[in-house]
Amino acid sequence: MSTMTSEQIMSQAEKLCLQRGVRLTSQRAEVLRLMAEQRGSISAYDLLDQLRINEPQAKPPTVYRALDFLLEQGFIHRVESNNSYVMCHHFEAPAHTSVMLVCDRCAAVIEKHAEGVENIIGLLASEARFALRHSVIEAHGLCENCVEVEACNRHGSCEHDHETETKKRGKRS
């Protein structure tokens, strides 16, 4: 996971858009900024709710168009299994292969660059004469914090949030 600040992410995205000759409109930039501030993944409708704080007139197509642009530029990834989106922390290399480690308890998403897997997928694509553009692999389990919570047996005398229910695969809270 990158340690870049929201401001650094925005600056890098603006620079890349300029180099690529594409336009980072104010709405696209605002959606990217909101995403850069997220700890994990977020649904389009949760993004819309946040966007409406500063832009009350925003509608679902506004968010979906911005998300499509950000996906196309490689700035974000779609987490298919829970129908959400997450920042890409390797967007200087838009054709990379990512592994999304999705926590089934809290829905946090950790992106890892899958260099070894990338070579295998590339070889398989080449053998099939398939022009690979990008790939995202999703793996489900528990993040470090949720492993600790799940292992805790002192429910009344600890600081863990035992109220959070385990997320169902394919659903988002």
C-alpha atoms as a PDB file:
ATOM      1  CA  MET A   1       0.000   0.000   0.000  1.00  0.00           C
ATOM      2  CA  SER A   2       1.272   3.429  -0.878  1.00  0.00           C
ATOM      3  CA  THR A   3       2.000   6.028   1.770  1.00  0.00           C
ATOM      4  CA  MET A   4       1.217   8.890  -0.611  1.00  0.00           C
ATOM      5  CA  THR A   5      -1.055  11.585   0.725  1.00  0.00           C
ATOM      6  CA  SER A   6      -4.285  12.557  -0.973  1.00  0.00           C
ATOM      7  CA  GLU A   7      -2.560  15.705  -2.268  1.00  0.00           C
ATOM      8  CA  GLN A   8       0.328  13.703  -3.723  1.00  0.00           C
ATOM      9  CA  ILE A   9      -2.095  11.303  -5.419  1.00  0.00           C
ATOM     10  CA  MET A  10      -4.012  14.228  -6.933  1.00  0.00           C
ATOM     11  CA  SER A  11      -0.811  15.883  -8.119  1.00  0.00           C
ATOM     12  CA  GLN A  12       0.422  12.671  -9.739  1.00  0.00           C
ATOM     13  CA  ALA A  13      -2.967  12.060 -11.393  1.00  0.00           C
ATOM     14  CA  GLU A  14      -3.034  15.610 -12.806  1.00  0.00           C
ATOM     15  CA  LYS A  15       0.494  15.176 -14.165  1.00  0.00           C
ATOM     16  CA  LEU A  16      -0.360  11.827 -15.791  1.00  0.00           C
ATOM     17  CA  CYS A  17      -3.556  13.207 -17.346  1.00  0.00           C
ATOM     18  CA  LEU A  18      -1.601  16.091 -18.815  1.00  0.00           C
ATOM     19  CA  GLN A  19       1.012  13.685 -20.242  1.00  0.00           C
ATOM     20  CA  ARG A  20      -1.712  11.444 -21.666  1.00  0.00           C
ATOM     21  CA  GLY A  21      -3.685  14.317 -23.157  1.00  0.00           C
ATOM     22  CA  VAL A  22      -6.853  13.532 -21.201  1.00  0.00           C
ATOM     23  CA  ARG A  23      -8.918  15.890 -19.106  1.00  0.00           C
ATOM     24  CA  LEU A  24      -9.238  15.512 -15.347  1.00  0.00           C
ATOM     25  CA  THR A  25     -12.442  17.516 -14.905  1.00  0.00           C
ATOM     26  CA  SER A  26     -13.365  18.982 -11.529  1.00  0.00           C
ATOM     27  CA  GLN A  27     -15.942  16.210 -10.940  1.00  0.00           C
ATOM     28  CA  ARG A  28     -13.476  13.467 -11.893  1.00  0.00           C
ATOM     29  CA  ALA A  29     -10.886  15.066  -9.614  1.00  0.00           C
ATOM     30  CA  GLU A  30     -13.360  15.294  -6.748  1.00  0.00           C
ATOM     31  CA  VAL A  31     -14.293  11.611  -7.079  1.00  0.00           C
ATOM     32  CA  LEU A  32     -10.593  10.711  -7.161  1.00  0.00           C
ATOM     33  CA  ARG A  33      -9.951  12.887  -4.096  1.00  0.00           C
ATOM     34  CA  LEU A  34     -12.789  11.202  -2.206  1.00  0.00           C
ATOM     35  CA  MET A  35     -11.421   7.801  -3.152  1.00  0.00           C
ATOM     36  CA  ALA A  36      -7.884   8.776  -2.107  1.00  0.00           C
ATOM     37  CA  GLU A  37      -9.219   9.505   1.377  1.00  0.00           C
ATOM     38  CA  GLN A  38     -10.779   6.031   1.758  1.00  0.00           C
ATOM     39  CA  ARG A  39      -9.146   3.332   3.870  1.00  0.00           C
ATOM     40  CA  GLY A  40     -10.521   0.615   1.616  1.00  0.00           C
ATOM     41  CA  SER A  41     -13.110   0.132  -1.064  1.00  0.00           C
ATOM     42  CA  ILE A  42     -16.259   2.195  -1.514  1.00  0.00           C
ATOM     43  CA  SER A  43     -19.420   1.693  -3.537  1.00  0.00           C
ATOM     44  CA  ALA A  44     -20.520   4.122  -6.228  1.00  0.00           C
ATOM     45  CA  TYR A  45     -23.572   5.105  -4.176  1.00  0.00           C
ATOM     46  CA  ASP A  46     -21.484   5.771  -1.056  1.00  0.00           C
ATOM     47  CA  LEU A  47     -19.257   7.950  -3.258  1.00  0.00           C
ATOM     48  CA  LEU A  48     -22.357   9.724  -4.559  1.00  0.00           C
ATOM     49  CA  ASP A  49     -23.460  10.456  -0.977  1.00  0.00           C
ATOM     50  CA  GLN A  50     -20.044  11.979  -0.228  1.00  0.00           C
ATOM     51  CA  LEU A  51     -19.984  13.905  -3.501  1.00  0.00           C
ATOM     52  CA  ARG A  52     -23.403  15.402  -2.729  1.00  0.00           C
ATOM     53  CA  ILE A  53     -22.004  17.103   0.374  1.00  0.00           C
ATOM     54  CA  ASN A  54     -20.244  19.649  -1.885  1.00  0.00           C
ATOM     55  CA  GLU A  55     -22.265  19.059  -5.065  1.00  0.00           C
ATOM     56  CA  PRO A  56     -25.929  18.502  -4.060  1.00  0.00           C
ATOM     57  CA  GLN A  57     -26.998  18.232  -7.721  1.00  0.00           C
ATOM     58  CA  ALA A  58     -24.746  15.203  -8.391  1.00  0.00           C
ATOM     59  CA  LYS A  59     -26.556  12.183  -9.863  1.00  0.00           C
ATOM     60  CA  PRO A  60     -25.499   8.526 -10.282  1.00  0.00           C
ATOM     61  CA  PRO A  61     -24.372   9.019 -13.919  1.00  0.00           C
ATOM     62  CA  THR A  62     -21.971  11.729 -12.702  1.00  0.00           C
ATOM     63  CA  VAL A  63     -20.225   9.256 -10.414  1.00  0.00           C
ATOM     64  CA  TYR A  64     -20.287   6.373 -12.896  1.00  0.00           C
ATOM     65  CA  ARG A  65     -18.793   8.507 -15.679  1.00  0.00           C
ATOM     66  CA  ALA A  66     -16.041   9.668 -13.324  1.00  0.00           C
ATOM     67  CA  LEU A  67     -15.394   6.089 -12.185  1.00  0.00           C
ATOM     68  CA  ASP A  68     -15.226   4.883 -15.799  1.00  0.00           C
ATOM     69  CA  PHE A  69     -12.632   7.558 -16.579  1.00  0.00           C
ATOM     70  CA  LEU A  70     -10.589   6.751 -13.463  1.00  0.00           C
ATOM     71  CA  LEU A  71     -10.702   3.026 -14.285  1.00  0.00           C
ATOM     72  CA  GLU A  72      -9.630   3.717 -17.870  1.00  0.00           C
ATOM     73  CA  GLN A  73      -6.665   5.765 -16.632  1.00  0.00           C
ATOM     74  CA  GLY A  74      -5.671   3.033 -14.156  1.00  0.00           C
ATOM     75  CA  PHE A  75      -6.125   5.295 -11.113  1.00  0.00           C
ATOM     76  CA  ILE A  76      -8.615   2.941  -9.443  1.00  0.00           C
ATOM     77  CA  HIS A  77      -9.692  -0.704  -9.539  1.00  0.00           C
ATOM     78  CA  ARG A  78     -13.132  -2.233  -9.418  1.00  0.00           C
ATOM     79  CA  VAL A  79     -13.535  -4.865  -6.732  1.00  0.00           C
ATOM     80  CA  GLU A  80     -15.934  -7.151  -8.558  1.00  0.00           C
ATOM     81  CA  SER A  81     -16.873  -9.382  -5.637  1.00  0.00           C
ATOM     82  CA  ASN A  82     -18.348  -6.576  -3.549  1.00  0.00           C
ATOM     83  CA  ASN A  83     -19.221  -4.140  -6.352  1.00  0.00           C
ATOM     84  CA  SER A  84     -16.983  -1.386  -5.075  1.00  0.00           C
ATOM     85  CA  TYR A  85     -13.951   0.628  -6.109  1.00  0.00           C
ATOM     86  CA  VAL A  86     -10.538   1.145  -4.550  1.00  0.00           C
ATOM     87  CA  MET A  87      -7.575   3.430  -5.220  1.00  0.00           C
ATOM     88  CA  CYS A  88      -4.753   1.952  -7.249  1.00  0.00           C
ATOM     89  CA  HIS A  89      -1.443   2.695  -5.617  1.00  0.00           C
ATOM     90  CA  HIS A  90       0.531   1.782  -8.724  1.00  0.00           C
ATOM     91  CA  PHE A  91      -1.168   4.006 -11.277  1.00  0.00           C
ATOM     92  CA  GLU A  92       2.063   5.076 -12.880  1.00  0.00           C
ATOM     93  CA  ALA A  93       1.977   1.549 -14.409  1.00  0.00           C
ATOM     94  CA  PRO A  94      -1.623   1.110 -15.621  1.00  0.00           C
ATOM     95  CA  ALA A  95      -1.030  -2.316 -17.195  1.00  0.00           C
ATOM     96  CA  HIS A  96       0.123  -4.017 -13.977  1.00  0.00           C
ATOM     97  CA  THR A  97      -1.539  -7.042 -12.415  1.00  0.00           C
ATOM     98  CA  SER A  98      -2.976  -6.461  -8.965  1.00  0.00           C
ATOM     99  CA  VAL A  99      -4.073  -8.805  -6.241  1.00  0.00           C
ATOM    100  CA  MET A 100      -6.903  -7.398  -4.155  1.00  0.00           C
ATOM    101  CA  LEU A 101      -6.901  -8.876  -0.664  1.00  0.00           C
ATOM    102  CA  VAL A 102     -10.516  -8.359   0.448  1.00  0.00           C
ATOM    103  CA  CYS A 103     -11.405  -8.682   4.137  1.00  0.00           C
ATOM    104  CA  ASP A 104     -14.682 -10.557   4.504  1.00  0.00           C
ATOM    105  CA  ARG A 105     -15.300  -9.030   7.934  1.00  0.00           C
ATOM    106  CA  CYS A 106     -14.650  -5.281   7.528  1.00  0.00           C
ATOM    107  CA  ALA A 107     -14.491  -5.043   3.693  1.00  0.00           C
ATOM    108  CA  ALA A 108     -11.023  -3.438   3.747  1.00  0.00           C
ATOM    109  CA  VAL A 109      -9.108  -3.962   0.513  1.00  0.00           C
ATOM    110  CA  ILE A 110      -5.331  -4.157   0.257  1.00  0.00           C
ATOM    111  CA  GLU A 111      -3.789  -3.974  -3.201  1.00  0.00           C
ATOM    112  CA  LYS A 112      -0.565  -5.811  -3.887  1.00  0.00           C
ATOM    113  CA  HIS A 113       1.403  -5.825  -7.134  1.00  0.00           C
ATOM    114  CA  ALA A 114       1.497  -9.424  -8.407  1.00  0.00           C
ATOM    115  CA  GLU A 115       4.775  -9.539 -10.313  1.00  0.00           C
ATOM    116  CA  GLY A 116       5.258 -13.338 -10.387  1.00  0.00           C
ATOM    117  CA  VAL A 117       1.600 -13.960 -11.129  1.00  0.00           C
ATOM    118  CA  GLU A 118       1.735 -11.277 -13.801  1.00  0.00           C
ATOM    119  CA  ASN A 119       4.325 -13.313 -15.728  1.00  0.00           C
ATOM    120  CA  ILE A 120       2.203 -16.470 -15.541  1.00  0.00           C
ATOM    121  CA  ILE A 121      -0.944 -14.661 -16.714  1.00  0.00           C
ATOM    122  CA  GLY A 122       1.044 -13.023 -19.510  1.00  0.00           C
ATOM    123  CA  LEU A 123       2.331 -16.399 -20.653  1.00  0.00           C
ATOM    124  CA  LEU A 124      -1.160 -17.931 -20.567  1.00  0.00           C
ATOM    125  CA  ALA A 125      -2.553 -14.978 -22.521  1.00  0.00           C
ATOM    126  CA  SER A 126       0.242 -15.235 -25.068  1.00  0.00           C
ATOM    127  CA  GLU A 127      -0.376 -18.968 -25.552  1.00  0.00           C
ATOM    128  CA  ALA A 128      -4.050 -18.201 -26.202  1.00  0.00           C
ATOM    129  CA  ARG A 129      -3.117 -15.323 -28.557  1.00  0.00           C
ATOM    130  CA  PHE A 130      -4.996 -13.026 -26.203  1.00  0.00           C
ATOM    131  CA  ALA A 131      -4.040  -9.339 -26.001  1.00  0.00           C
ATOM    132  CA  LEU A 132      -3.968  -8.787 -22.246  1.00  0.00           C
ATOM    133  CA  ARG A 133      -4.606  -5.215 -21.126  1.00  0.00           C
ATOM    134  CA  HIS A 134      -4.811  -5.605 -17.373  1.00  0.00           C
ATOM    135  CA  SER A 135      -5.839  -8.126 -14.768  1.00  0.00           C
ATOM    136  CA  VAL A 136      -7.063  -8.002 -11.214  1.00  0.00           C
ATOM    137  CA  ILE A 137      -7.120 -11.003  -8.932  1.00  0.00           C
ATOM    138  CA  GLU A 138      -9.293 -11.021  -5.823  1.00  0.00           C
ATOM    139  CA  ALA A 139      -8.569 -13.116  -2.753  1.00  0.00           C
ATOM    140  CA  HIS A 140     -10.820 -13.180   0.312  1.00  0.00           C
ATOM    141  CA  GLY A 141      -9.964 -13.667   3.956  1.00  0.00           C
ATOM    142  CA  LEU A 142      -9.394 -11.525   7.030  1.00  0.00           C
ATOM    143  CA  CYS A 143      -7.159  -8.477   7.409  1.00  0.00           C
ATOM    144  CA  GLU A 144      -4.671  -8.301  10.285  1.00  0.00           C
ATOM    145  CA  ASN A 145      -7.073  -6.403  12.564  1.00  0.00           C
ATOM    146  CA  CYS A 146      -9.986  -8.743  11.897  1.00  0.00           C
ATOM    147  CA  VAL A 147      -7.829 -11.828  12.530  1.00  0.00           C
ATOM    148  CA  GLU A 148      -7.084 -10.350  15.957  1.00  0.00           C
ATOM    149  CA  VAL A 149     -10.762  -9.595  16.639  1.00  0.00           C
ATOM    150  CA  GLU A 150     -11.858 -13.063  15.513  1.00  0.00           C
ATOM    151  CA  ALA A 151      -9.252 -14.684  17.797  1.00  0.00           C
ATOM    152  CA  CYS A 152     -10.291 -12.597  20.822  1.00  0.00           C
ATOM    153  CA  ASN A 153     -12.285 -14.426  23.492  1.00  0.00           C
ATOM    154  CA  ARG A 154     -12.529 -11.526  25.980  1.00  0.00           C
ATOM    155  CA  HIS A 155     -15.572  -9.844  24.407  1.00  0.00           C
ATOM    156  CA  GLY A 156     -16.501  -7.827  27.483  1.00  0.00           C
ATOM    157  CA  SER A 157     -13.033  -6.771  28.577  1.00  0.00           C
ATOM    158  CA  CYS A 158     -11.286  -5.808  25.331  1.00  0.00           C
ATOM    159  CA  GLU A 159     -11.245  -2.823  22.991  1.00  0.00           C
ATOM    160  CA  HIS A 160     -12.302  -4.726  19.852  1.00  0.00           C
ATOM    161  CA  ASP A 161     -15.480  -4.027  17.932  1.00  0.00           C
ATOM    162  CA  HIS A 162     -17.141  -7.436  18.101  1.00  0.00           C
ATOM    163  CA  GLU A 163     -20.406  -5.976  16.768  1.00  0.00           C
ATOM    164  CA  THR A 164     -19.191  -5.806  13.159  1.00  0.00           C
ATOM    165  CA  GLU A 165     -20.705  -8.738  11.324  1.00  0.00           C
ATOM    166  CA  THR A 166     -18.702 -10.731   8.861  1.00  0.00           C
ATOM    167  CA  LYS A 167     -19.352  -9.400   5.377  1.00  0.00           C
ATOM    168  CA  LYS A 168     -21.024 -11.768   2.971  1.00  0.00           C
ATOM    169  CA  ARG A 169     -19.102 -12.335  -0.235  1.00  0.00           C
ATOM    170  CA  GLY A 170     -20.487 -10.082  -2.933  1.00  0.00           C
ATOM    171  CA  LYS A 171     -22.203  -7.715  -0.523  1.00  0.00           C
ATOM    172  CA  ARG A 172     -21.203  -4.361   0.856  1.00  0.00           C
ATOM    173  CA  SER A 173     -22.465  -2.705   4.040  1.00  0.00           C
END
